[in-house]
Amino acid sequence: MEQKVLYEPFELYVSDMECWEQRPLVYHFFEIVQILEGEGDRITNMNTFPYHKGSIFLFTPRDCRGFDIKTATRFCSIRFSEGFLGKCKTPQDKARIAQWLKQLEHIFFHHNRFQELLVKQPGDCQMIKMLMENMVSEYEQRQPYREENLQHFVTLLLNILARNVADSAAGGNSEELSEPLIDRILLHIRQHIADPEQLRVEQLAALFNLSENYVGEYFRKFTGESLQHYITHYRMKLVQQRLAYSALTVSQIAGELGFTDESHLSRQFRKYNGVSPAKYRKELGIRN
């Protein structure tokens, strides 16, 4: 699978397309896409879903995405890395960023990943439209304090989206049951990432009425990766964030995220990152 990386911490563009010439790619950054005009299908992790004018999609790092355009489409795409929102100049910044990254987890990992994000309030729709227009202008003008202003625009946008994600989550069990099964499985994993017993294949099969032999196949079909790889990678990303943006010790992080002990976390972290948690934190210039 071809991959695409972000060479700058933030990119924004508006583009008109009559066809999508690229194959679906794995993108290694966060992305917010709003459809300004047009209709078609978006392809997410080998699955196809319709889009139309006004649709808003949130993509997480390592999602494979592309588009099948039916009518000429105008996209507004905002792409950014965790580092874009995570630049710390003061201890106060560090505390603020730690909260922001938890917000980011909530927005991008707890929304309905395989449907568009519905912004239900007309006032919110208008604010999003204005924010995106202002971001485009600020990005293109390249004036002093551009990066700081873009940070504020993105955080405002995320606040509005978070409000709508929260409203959707408060819809109750009937709404929850109408969501795609894969979304409910992903949400369960993220909500119980610190409890390995809740993530066992036997438990998932019982909870979601699937055969134990089919759980892994179903998960890979919709996400493009194995269940165990997804769980491990997600937990490692949370460890990285806490090492970078919190004052928690490695032992405290291990307890929070369901590792047996500090040694277990360290072994897993070194396997996936090539360095120990302490060295990772040191290389970032962050002290306990």
C-alpha atoms as a PDB file:
ATOM      1  CA  MET A   1       0.000   0.000   0.000  1.00  0.00           C
ATOM      2  CA  GLU A   2       1.397   3.396  -0.999  1.00  0.00           C
ATOM      3  CA  GLN A   3       1.896   5.902   1.799  1.00  0.00           C
ATOM      4  CA  LYS A   4       1.915   9.686   2.153  1.00  0.00           C
ATOM      5  CA  VAL A   5       3.641  11.707   4.855  1.00  0.00           C
ATOM      6  CA  LEU A   6       3.332  15.320   5.938  1.00  0.00           C
ATOM      7  CA  TYR A   7       6.544  17.297   5.416  1.00  0.00           C
ATOM      8  CA  GLU A   8       5.263  20.388   7.218  1.00  0.00           C
ATOM      9  CA  PRO A   9       3.456  20.330  10.588  1.00  0.00           C
ATOM     10  CA  PHE A  10       0.422  21.953   8.928  1.00  0.00           C
ATOM     11  CA  GLU A  11      -0.934  22.005   5.382  1.00  0.00           C
ATOM     12  CA  LEU A  12      -4.148  23.435   4.002  1.00  0.00           C
ATOM     13  CA  TYR A  13      -5.469  23.462   0.497  1.00  0.00           C
ATOM     14  CA  VAL A  14      -8.662  23.897  -1.507  1.00  0.00           C
ATOM     15  CA  SER A  15      -8.791  21.896  -4.708  1.00  0.00           C
ATOM     16  CA  ASP A  16     -11.232  21.198  -7.538  1.00  0.00           C
ATOM     17  CA  MET A  17     -11.262  17.710  -9.006  1.00  0.00           C
ATOM     18  CA  GLU A  18     -13.275  15.923 -11.655  1.00  0.00           C
ATOM     19  CA  CYS A  19     -11.558  12.624 -10.945  1.00  0.00           C
ATOM     20  CA  TRP A  20      -9.236  11.159  -8.327  1.00  0.00           C
ATOM     21  CA  GLU A  21      -6.206   9.890 -10.206  1.00  0.00           C
ATOM     22  CA  GLN A  22      -4.306   8.523  -7.222  1.00  0.00           C
ATOM     23  CA  ARG A  23      -4.829   5.110  -5.730  1.00  0.00           C
ATOM     24  CA  PRO A  24      -6.018   5.122  -2.097  1.00  0.00           C
ATOM     25  CA  LEU A  25      -3.043   5.984   0.122  1.00  0.00           C
ATOM     26  CA  VAL A  26      -2.158   5.464   3.773  1.00  0.00           C
ATOM     27  CA  TYR A  27      -1.771   8.962   5.252  1.00  0.00           C
ATOM     28  CA  HIS A  28       0.411   9.493   8.332  1.00  0.00           C
ATOM     29  CA  PHE A  29      -1.316  12.558   9.772  1.00  0.00           C
ATOM     30  CA  PHE A  30      -4.648  13.908  10.972  1.00  0.00           C
ATOM     31  CA  GLU A  31      -6.944  15.379   8.349  1.00  0.00           C
ATOM     32  CA  ILE A  32     -10.246  17.254   8.353  1.00  0.00           C
ATOM     33  CA  VAL A  33     -11.968  17.293   4.963  1.00  0.00           C
ATOM     34  CA  GLN A  34     -15.041  19.356   4.118  1.00  0.00           C
ATOM     35  CA  ILE A  35     -16.844  18.870   0.807  1.00  0.00           C
ATOM     36  CA  LEU A  36     -17.609  22.339  -0.564  1.00  0.00           C
ATOM     37  CA  GLU A  37     -19.256  21.137  -3.790  1.00  0.00           C
ATOM     38  CA  GLY A  38     -19.933  17.827  -5.513  1.00  0.00           C
ATOM     39  CA  GLU A  39     -20.908  14.240  -4.832  1.00  0.00           C
ATOM     40  CA  GLY A  40     -19.238  10.855  -4.907  1.00  0.00           C
ATOM     41  CA  ASP A  41     -17.831   8.180  -2.635  1.00  0.00           C
ATOM     42  CA  ARG A  42     -14.921   8.247  -0.252  1.00  0.00           C
ATOM     43  CA  ILE A  43     -12.825   5.142   0.252  1.00  0.00           C
ATOM     44  CA  THR A  44     -11.704   4.509   3.818  1.00  0.00           C
ATOM     45  CA  ASN A  45      -9.677   1.431   4.696  1.00  0.00           C
ATOM     46  CA  MET A  46     -10.950  -0.394   1.588  1.00  0.00           C
ATOM     47  CA  ASN A  47     -14.602   0.466   2.295  1.00  0.00           C
ATOM     48  CA  THR A  48     -16.784   2.878   0.296  1.00  0.00           C
ATOM     49  CA  PHE A  49     -19.120   5.548   1.715  1.00  0.00           C
ATOM     50  CA  PRO A  50     -21.063   8.356  -0.034  1.00  0.00           C
ATOM     51  CA  TYR A  51     -20.285  12.068   0.315  1.00  0.00           C
ATOM     52  CA  HIS A  52     -22.125  15.235  -0.701  1.00  0.00           C
ATOM     53  CA  LYS A  53     -21.889  18.992  -0.298  1.00  0.00           C
ATOM     54  CA  GLY A  54     -21.344  19.863   3.358  1.00  0.00           C
ATOM     55  CA  SER A  55     -19.972  16.446   4.389  1.00  0.00           C
ATOM     56  CA  ILE A  56     -17.175  16.585   6.973  1.00  0.00           C
ATOM     57  CA  PHE A  57     -14.809  13.684   7.491  1.00  0.00           C
ATOM     58  CA  LEU A  58     -12.126  13.139  10.109  1.00  0.00           C
ATOM     59  CA  PHE A  59      -9.180  10.921   9.205  1.00  0.00           C
ATOM     60  CA  THR A  60      -6.641   9.582  11.667  1.00  0.00           C
ATOM     61  CA  PRO A  61      -2.995   8.677  11.034  1.00  0.00           C
ATOM     62  CA  ARG A  62      -2.664   5.388   9.131  1.00  0.00           C
ATOM     63  CA  ASP A  63      -6.182   5.501   7.690  1.00  0.00           C
ATOM     64  CA  CYS A  64      -6.120   4.531   4.023  1.00  0.00           C
ATOM     65  CA  ARG A  65      -8.292   6.985   2.110  1.00  0.00           C
ATOM     66  CA  GLY A  66      -9.209   8.089  -1.370  1.00  0.00           C
ATOM     67  CA  PHE A  67     -12.212   9.327  -3.393  1.00  0.00           C
ATOM     68  CA  ASP A  68     -14.390   8.100  -6.253  1.00  0.00           C
ATOM     69  CA  ILE A  69     -15.737  11.358  -7.713  1.00  0.00           C
ATOM     70  CA  LYS A  70     -19.152  11.297  -9.430  1.00  0.00           C
ATOM     71  CA  THR A  71     -19.651  15.042  -9.978  1.00  0.00           C
ATOM     72  CA  ALA A  72     -16.907  17.702 -10.006  1.00  0.00           C
ATOM     73  CA  THR A  73     -15.886  18.155  -6.381  1.00  0.00           C
ATOM     74  CA  ARG A  74     -14.271  20.946  -4.397  1.00  0.00           C
ATOM     75  CA  PHE A  75     -12.474  19.842  -1.231  1.00  0.00           C
ATOM     76  CA  CYS A  76     -11.109  21.861   1.649  1.00  0.00           C
ATOM     77  CA  SER A  77      -8.452  19.773   3.385  1.00  0.00           C
ATOM     78  CA  ILE A  78      -6.736  20.643   6.677  1.00  0.00           C
ATOM     79  CA  ARG A  79      -3.802  18.369   7.501  1.00  0.00           C
ATOM     80  CA  PHE A  80      -1.694  18.488  10.632  1.00  0.00           C
ATOM     81  CA  SER A  81       0.558  16.394  12.821  1.00  0.00           C
ATOM     82  CA  GLU A  82       0.341  16.019  16.585  1.00  0.00           C
ATOM     83  CA  GLY A  83       3.436  18.206  16.728  1.00  0.00           C
ATOM     84  CA  PHE A  84       1.535  21.117  15.215  1.00  0.00           C
ATOM     85  CA  LEU A  85      -0.734  21.393  18.254  1.00  0.00           C
ATOM     86  CA  GLY A  86       1.948  20.111  20.595  1.00  0.00           C
ATOM     87  CA  LYS A  87       4.548  22.875  20.512  1.00  0.00           C
ATOM     88  CA  CYS A  88       5.326  23.900  24.080  1.00  0.00           C
ATOM     89  CA  LYS A  89       7.029  27.164  24.974  1.00  0.00           C
ATOM     90  CA  THR A  90       6.148  27.297  28.672  1.00  0.00           C
ATOM     91  CA  PRO A  91       5.019  24.862  31.416  1.00  0.00           C
ATOM     92  CA  GLN A  92       1.541  26.351  31.007  1.00  0.00           C
ATOM     93  CA  ASP A  93       1.663  25.438  27.324  1.00  0.00           C
ATOM     94  CA  LYS A  94       2.608  21.891  28.231  1.00  0.00           C
ATOM     95  CA  ALA A  95      -0.411  21.506  30.534  1.00  0.00           C
ATOM     96  CA  ARG A  96      -2.686  22.987  27.886  1.00  0.00           C
ATOM     97  CA  ILE A  97      -1.320  20.703  25.179  1.00  0.00           C
ATOM     98  CA  ALA A  98      -1.770  17.620  27.385  1.00  0.00           C
ATOM     99  CA  GLN A  99      -5.460  18.484  27.622  1.00  0.00           C
ATOM    100  CA  TRP A 100      -5.633  19.205  23.907  1.00  0.00           C
ATOM    101  CA  LEU A 101      -4.233  15.833  22.955  1.00  0.00           C
ATOM    102  CA  LYS A 102      -6.867  14.126  25.077  1.00  0.00           C
ATOM    103  CA  GLN A 103      -9.414  16.236  23.218  1.00  0.00           C
ATOM    104  CA  LEU A 104      -7.872  15.121  19.954  1.00  0.00           C
ATOM    105  CA  GLU A 105      -8.188  11.485  21.011  1.00  0.00           C
ATOM    106  CA  HIS A 106     -11.860  12.023  21.780  1.00  0.00           C
ATOM    107  CA  ILE A 107     -12.675  13.784  18.524  1.00  0.00           C
ATOM    108  CA  PHE A 108     -10.790  11.579  16.103  1.00  0.00           C
ATOM    109  CA  PHE A 109     -11.142   8.219  17.805  1.00  0.00           C
ATOM    110  CA  HIS A 110     -14.656   8.407  19.273  1.00  0.00           C
ATOM    111  CA  HIS A 111     -16.583   9.857  16.341  1.00  0.00           C
ATOM    112  CA  ASN A 112     -18.385   7.585  13.902  1.00  0.00           C
ATOM    113  CA  ARG A 113     -15.380   6.705  11.817  1.00  0.00           C
ATOM    114  CA  PHE A 114     -17.234   5.122   8.908  1.00  0.00           C
ATOM    115  CA  GLN A 115     -19.853   7.835   8.397  1.00  0.00           C
ATOM    116  CA  GLU A 116     -19.628  11.586   7.972  1.00  0.00           C
ATOM    117  CA  LEU A 117     -19.550  13.737  11.098  1.00  0.00           C
ATOM    118  CA  LEU A 118     -22.953  15.384  11.339  1.00  0.00           C
ATOM    119  CA  VAL A 119     -22.811  19.015  12.476  1.00  0.00           C
ATOM    120  CA  LYS A 120     -26.417  19.486  13.511  1.00  0.00           C
ATOM    121  CA  GLN A 121     -26.514  23.080  14.725  1.00  0.00           C
ATOM    122  CA  PRO A 122     -26.897  25.699  11.935  1.00  0.00           C
ATOM    123  CA  GLY A 123     -24.763  28.115  13.962  1.00  0.00           C
ATOM    124  CA  ASP A 124     -21.951  25.567  14.151  1.00  0.00           C
ATOM    125  CA  CYS A 125     -22.136  24.987  10.400  1.00  0.00           C
ATOM    126  CA  GLN A 126     -21.727  28.709   9.806  1.00  0.00           C
ATOM    127  CA  MET A 127     -18.828  28.979  12.241  1.00  0.00           C
ATOM    128  CA  ILE A 128     -17.028  26.073  10.566  1.00  0.00           C
ATOM    129  CA  LYS A 129     -17.504  27.703   7.168  1.00  0.00           C
ATOM    130  CA  MET A 130     -16.099  31.019   8.455  1.00  0.00           C
ATOM    131  CA  LEU A 131     -13.178  29.352  10.256  1.00  0.00           C
ATOM    132  CA  MET A 132     -12.161  27.440   7.148  1.00  0.00           C
ATOM    133  CA  GLU A 133     -12.364  30.566   4.998  1.00  0.00           C
ATOM    134  CA  ASN A 134     -10.212  32.456   7.511  1.00  0.00           C
ATOM    135  CA  MET A 135      -7.704  29.609   7.682  1.00  0.00           C
ATOM    136  CA  VAL A 136      -7.357  29.565   3.908  1.00  0.00           C
ATOM    137  CA  SER A 137      -6.730  33.324   3.895  1.00  0.00           C
ATOM    138  CA  GLU A 138      -4.217  33.179   6.784  1.00  0.00           C
ATOM    139  CA  TYR A 139      -2.390  30.210   5.274  1.00  0.00           C
ATOM    140  CA  GLU A 140      -2.027  31.829   1.848  1.00  0.00           C
ATOM    141  CA  GLN A 141      -1.006  35.315   3.035  1.00  0.00           C
ATOM    142  CA  ARG A 142       2.039  34.080   5.007  1.00  0.00           C
ATOM    143  CA  GLN A 143       2.031  37.006   7.414  1.00  0.00           C
ATOM    144  CA  PRO A 144       3.891  37.167  10.772  1.00  0.00           C
ATOM    145  CA  TYR A 145       2.379  34.965  13.524  1.00  0.00           C
ATOM    146  CA  ARG A 146       0.789  32.814  10.844  1.00  0.00           C
ATOM    147  CA  GLU A 147       1.536  29.529  12.624  1.00  0.00           C
ATOM    148  CA  GLU A 148       0.221  30.751  15.977  1.00  0.00           C
ATOM    149  CA  ASN A 149      -2.982  32.009  14.362  1.00  0.00           C
ATOM    150  CA  LEU A 150      -3.484  28.754  12.470  1.00  0.00           C
ATOM    151  CA  GLN A 151      -3.049  26.848  15.735  1.00  0.00           C
ATOM    152  CA  HIS A 152      -5.852  28.895  17.269  1.00  0.00           C
ATOM    153  CA  PHE A 153      -8.083  28.383  14.233  1.00  0.00           C
ATOM    154  CA  VAL A 154      -7.548  24.616  14.351  1.00  0.00           C
ATOM    155  CA  THR A 155      -8.260  24.422  18.076  1.00  0.00           C
ATOM    156  CA  LEU A 156     -11.451  26.457  17.615  1.00  0.00           C
ATOM    157  CA  LEU A 157     -12.522  24.130  14.824  1.00  0.00           C
ATOM    158  CA  LEU A 158     -11.770  21.079  16.956  1.00  0.00           C
ATOM    159  CA  ASN A 159     -13.820  22.552  19.806  1.00  0.00           C
ATOM    160  CA  ILE A 160     -16.845  22.877  17.543  1.00  0.00           C
ATOM    161  CA  LEU A 161     -16.397  19.372  16.161  1.00  0.00           C
ATOM    162  CA  ALA A 162     -15.912  17.991  19.684  1.00  0.00           C
ATOM    163  CA  ARG A 163     -19.230  19.510  20.724  1.00  0.00           C
ATOM    164  CA  ASN A 164     -20.981  17.708  17.888  1.00  0.00           C
ATOM    165  CA  VAL A 165     -19.169  14.442  18.580  1.00  0.00           C
ATOM    166  CA  ALA A 166     -20.314  14.716  22.215  1.00  0.00           C
ATOM    167  CA  ASP A 167     -23.899  15.447  21.130  1.00  0.00           C
ATOM    168  CA  SER A 168     -23.879  12.356  18.925  1.00  0.00           C
ATOM    169  CA  ALA A 169     -22.433  10.207  21.710  1.00  0.00           C
ATOM    170  CA  ALA A 170     -25.222  11.356  24.043  1.00  0.00           C
ATOM    171  CA  GLY A 171     -27.868  10.073  21.653  1.00  0.00           C
ATOM    172  CA  GLY A 172     -28.515   6.943  23.688  1.00  0.00           C
ATOM    173  CA  ASN A 173     -28.425   3.225  23.051  1.00  0.00           C
ATOM    174  CA  SER A 174     -30.870   3.249  20.116  1.00  0.00           C
ATOM    175  CA  GLU A 175     -28.588   5.577  18.135  1.00  0.00           C
ATOM    176  CA  GLU A 176     -25.539   3.623  19.203  1.00  0.00           C
ATOM    177  CA  LEU A 177     -27.015   0.356  17.952  1.00  0.00           C
ATOM    178  CA  SER A 178     -27.727   1.899  14.552  1.00  0.00           C
ATOM    179  CA  GLU A 179     -24.035   2.653  14.039  1.00  0.00           C
ATOM    180  CA  PRO A 180     -21.942   0.274  11.936  1.00  0.00           C
ATOM    181  CA  LEU A 181     -20.735  -2.701  13.935  1.00  0.00           C
ATOM    182  CA  ILE A 182     -17.089  -1.868  13.253  1.00  0.00           C
ATOM    183  CA  ASP A 183     -17.565   1.567  14.860  1.00  0.00           C
ATOM    184  CA  ARG A 184     -18.973  -0.012  17.999  1.00  0.00           C
ATOM    185  CA  ILE A 185     -16.034  -2.431  18.145  1.00  0.00           C
ATOM    186  CA  LEU A 186     -13.506   0.408  17.702  1.00  0.00           C
ATOM    187  CA  LEU A 187     -15.210   2.484  20.384  1.00  0.00           C
ATOM    188  CA  HIS A 188     -15.201  -0.478  22.776  1.00  0.00           C
ATOM    189  CA  ILE A 189     -11.475  -1.006  22.200  1.00  0.00           C
ATOM    190  CA  ARG A 190     -10.659   2.641  22.886  1.00  0.00           C
ATOM    191  CA  GLN A 191     -12.879   2.844  25.933  1.00  0.00           C
ATOM    192  CA  HIS A 192     -11.314  -0.320  27.424  1.00  0.00           C
ATOM    193  CA  ILE A 193      -7.726   0.069  26.208  1.00  0.00           C
ATOM    194  CA  ALA A 194      -6.523  -0.188  29.833  1.00  0.00           C
ATOM    195  CA  ASP A 195      -8.370  -3.478  30.425  1.00  0.00           C
ATOM    196  CA  PRO A 196      -6.842  -6.321  28.365  1.00  0.00           C
ATOM    197  CA  GLU A 197      -9.572  -8.745  29.479  1.00  0.00           C
ATOM    198  CA  GLN A 198     -12.187  -6.621  27.704  1.00  0.00           C
ATOM    199  CA  LEU A 199     -10.165  -6.824  24.475  1.00  0.00           C
ATOM    200  CA  ARG A 200      -9.877 -10.615  24.242  1.00  0.00           C
ATOM    201  CA  VAL A 201     -11.322 -12.183  21.095  1.00  0.00           C
ATOM    202  CA  GLU A 202     -13.720 -14.270  23.197  1.00  0.00           C
ATOM    203  CA  GLN A 203     -15.080 -11.150  24.893  1.00  0.00           C
ATOM    204  CA  LEU A 204     -15.465  -9.221  21.628  1.00  0.00           C
ATOM    205  CA  ALA A 205     -17.226 -12.163  19.997  1.00  0.00           C
ATOM    206  CA  ALA A 206     -19.712 -12.414  22.859  1.00  0.00           C
ATOM    207  CA  LEU A 207     -20.342  -8.661  23.024  1.00  0.00           C
ATOM    208  CA  PHE A 208     -20.857  -8.160  19.299  1.00  0.00           C
ATOM    209  CA  ASN A 209     -22.496 -11.473  18.399  1.00  0.00           C
ATOM    210  CA  LEU A 210     -19.704 -12.699  16.151  1.00  0.00           C
ATOM    211  CA  SER A 211     -18.024 -16.064  15.839  1.00  0.00           C
ATOM    212  CA  GLU A 212     -14.667 -16.144  17.625  1.00  0.00           C
ATOM    213  CA  ASN A 213     -13.100 -17.364  14.380  1.00  0.00           C
ATOM    214  CA  TYR A 214     -14.614 -14.432  12.455  1.00  0.00           C
ATOM    215  CA  VAL A 215     -13.715 -11.525  14.766  1.00  0.00           C
ATOM    216  CA  GLY A 216     -10.193 -11.086  13.365  1.00  0.00           C
ATOM    217  CA  GLU A 217     -11.304 -11.479   9.738  1.00  0.00           C
ATOM    218  CA  TYR A 218     -14.130  -8.966  10.194  1.00  0.00           C
ATOM    219  CA  PHE A 219     -11.832  -6.433  11.851  1.00  0.00           C
ATOM    220  CA  ARG A 220      -9.193  -6.699   9.125  1.00  0.00           C
ATOM    221  CA  LYS A 221     -11.839  -6.391   6.396  1.00  0.00           C
ATOM    222  CA  PHE A 222     -12.961  -2.985   7.645  1.00  0.00           C
ATOM    223  CA  THR A 223      -9.736  -1.507   9.011  1.00  0.00           C
ATOM    224  CA  GLY A 224      -7.049  -3.060   6.849  1.00  0.00           C
ATOM    225  CA  GLU A 225      -5.025  -4.374   9.804  1.00  0.00           C
ATOM    226  CA  SER A 226      -5.142  -7.131  12.381  1.00  0.00           C
ATOM    227  CA  LEU A 227      -7.011  -6.691  15.652  1.00  0.00           C
ATOM    228  CA  GLN A 228      -3.907  -7.221  17.793  1.00  0.00           C
ATOM    229  CA  HIS A 229      -1.790  -4.846  15.711  1.00  0.00           C
ATOM    230  CA  TYR A 230      -4.454  -2.144  16.029  1.00  0.00           C
ATOM    231  CA  ILE A 231      -4.731  -2.531  19.810  1.00  0.00           C
ATOM    232  CA  THR A 232      -0.952  -2.493  20.279  1.00  0.00           C
ATOM    233  CA  HIS A 233      -0.403   0.469  17.959  1.00  0.00           C
ATOM    234  CA  TYR A 234      -3.178   2.498  19.576  1.00  0.00           C
ATOM    235  CA  ARG A 235      -1.793   1.819  23.058  1.00  0.00           C
ATOM    236  CA  MET A 236       1.732   2.780  21.894  1.00  0.00           C
ATOM    237  CA  LYS A 237       0.429   6.094  20.499  1.00  0.00           C
ATOM    238  CA  LEU A 238      -1.129   6.874  23.879  1.00  0.00           C
ATOM    239  CA  VAL A 239       2.155   6.055  25.602  1.00  0.00           C
ATOM    240  CA  GLN A 240       4.031   8.387  23.222  1.00  0.00           C
ATOM    241  CA  GLN A 241       1.605  11.221  23.932  1.00  0.00           C
ATOM    242  CA  ARG A 242       1.884  10.823  27.687  1.00  0.00           C
ATOM    243  CA  LEU A 243       5.665  10.673  27.542  1.00  0.00           C
ATOM    244  CA  ALA A 244       5.780  13.814  25.436  1.00  0.00           C
ATOM    245  CA  TYR A 245       3.067  15.946  26.999  1.00  0.00           C
ATOM    246  CA  SER A 246       2.584  14.849  30.599  1.00  0.00           C
ATOM    247  CA  ALA A 247       4.692  14.627  33.750  1.00  0.00           C
ATOM    248  CA  LEU A 248       3.560  11.034  34.455  1.00  0.00           C
ATOM    249  CA  THR A 249       6.295   8.542  35.247  1.00  0.00           C
ATOM    250  CA  VAL A 250       6.700   5.431  33.097  1.00  0.00           C
ATOM    251  CA  SER A 251       5.278   3.368  35.961  1.00  0.00           C
ATOM    252  CA  GLN A 252       2.214   5.620  36.187  1.00  0.00           C
ATOM    253  CA  ILE A 253       1.668   5.418  32.422  1.00  0.00           C
ATOM    254  CA  ALA A 254       1.929   1.618  32.606  1.00  0.00           C
ATOM    255  CA  GLY A 255      -0.762   1.524  35.293  1.00  0.00           C
ATOM    256  CA  GLU A 256      -3.037   3.926  33.415  1.00  0.00           C
ATOM    257  CA  LEU A 257      -2.890   2.025  30.114  1.00  0.00           C
ATOM    258  CA  GLY A 258      -3.186  -1.558  31.311  1.00  0.00           C
ATOM    259  CA  PHE A 259       0.382  -2.839  31.119  1.00  0.00           C
ATOM    260  CA  THR A 260       1.412  -5.490  33.641  1.00  0.00           C
ATOM    261  CA  ASP A 261       4.152  -3.247  35.004  1.00  0.00           C
ATOM    262  CA  GLU A 262       6.810  -0.737  33.940  1.00  0.00           C
ATOM    263  CA  SER A 263       9.044  -3.487  32.495  1.00  0.00           C
ATOM    264  CA  HIS A 264       6.203  -4.759  30.300  1.00  0.00           C
ATOM    265  CA  LEU A 265       5.579  -1.270  28.935  1.00  0.00           C
ATOM    266  CA  SER A 266       9.299  -0.698  28.329  1.00  0.00           C
ATOM    267  CA  ARG A 267       9.709  -3.958  26.398  1.00  0.00           C
ATOM    268  CA  GLN A 268       6.702  -3.243  24.194  1.00  0.00           C
ATOM    269  CA  PHE A 269       7.717   0.373  23.654  1.00  0.00           C
ATOM    270  CA  ARG A 270      11.272  -0.539  22.641  1.00  0.00           C
ATOM    271  CA  LYS A 271       9.930  -3.176  20.236  1.00  0.00           C
ATOM    272  CA  TYR A 272       7.727  -0.661  18.405  1.00  0.00           C
ATOM    273  CA  ASN A 273       9.851   2.484  18.711  1.00  0.00           C
ATOM    274  CA  GLY A 274      13.414   1.210  18.810  1.00  0.00           C
ATOM    275  CA  VAL A 275      14.252   3.103  22.017  1.00  0.00           C
ATOM    276  CA  SER A 276      13.287   2.915  25.690  1.00  0.00           C
ATOM    277  CA  PRO A 277      10.551   5.234  27.065  1.00  0.00           C
ATOM    278  CA  ALA A 278      13.217   7.158  29.035  1.00  0.00           C
ATOM    279  CA  LYS A 279      15.345   7.713  25.928  1.00  0.00           C
ATOM    280  CA  TYR A 280      12.302   8.685  23.863  1.00  0.00           C
ATOM    281  CA  ARG A 281      11.402  11.342  26.428  1.00  0.00           C
ATOM    282  CA  LYS A 282      15.016  12.523  26.658  1.00  0.00           C
ATOM    283  CA  GLU A 283      15.329  12.864  22.872  1.00  0.00           C
ATOM    284  CA  LEU A 284      12.279  15.126  22.935  1.00  0.00           C
ATOM    285  CA  GLY A 285      14.001  17.296  25.529  1.00  0.00           C
ATOM    286  CA  ILE A 286      11.317  16.575  28.106  1.00  0.00           C
ATOM    287  CA  ARG A 287      12.096  15.936  31.745  1.00  0.00           C
ATOM    288  CA  ASN A 288       9.899  14.397  34.397  1.00  0.00           C
END
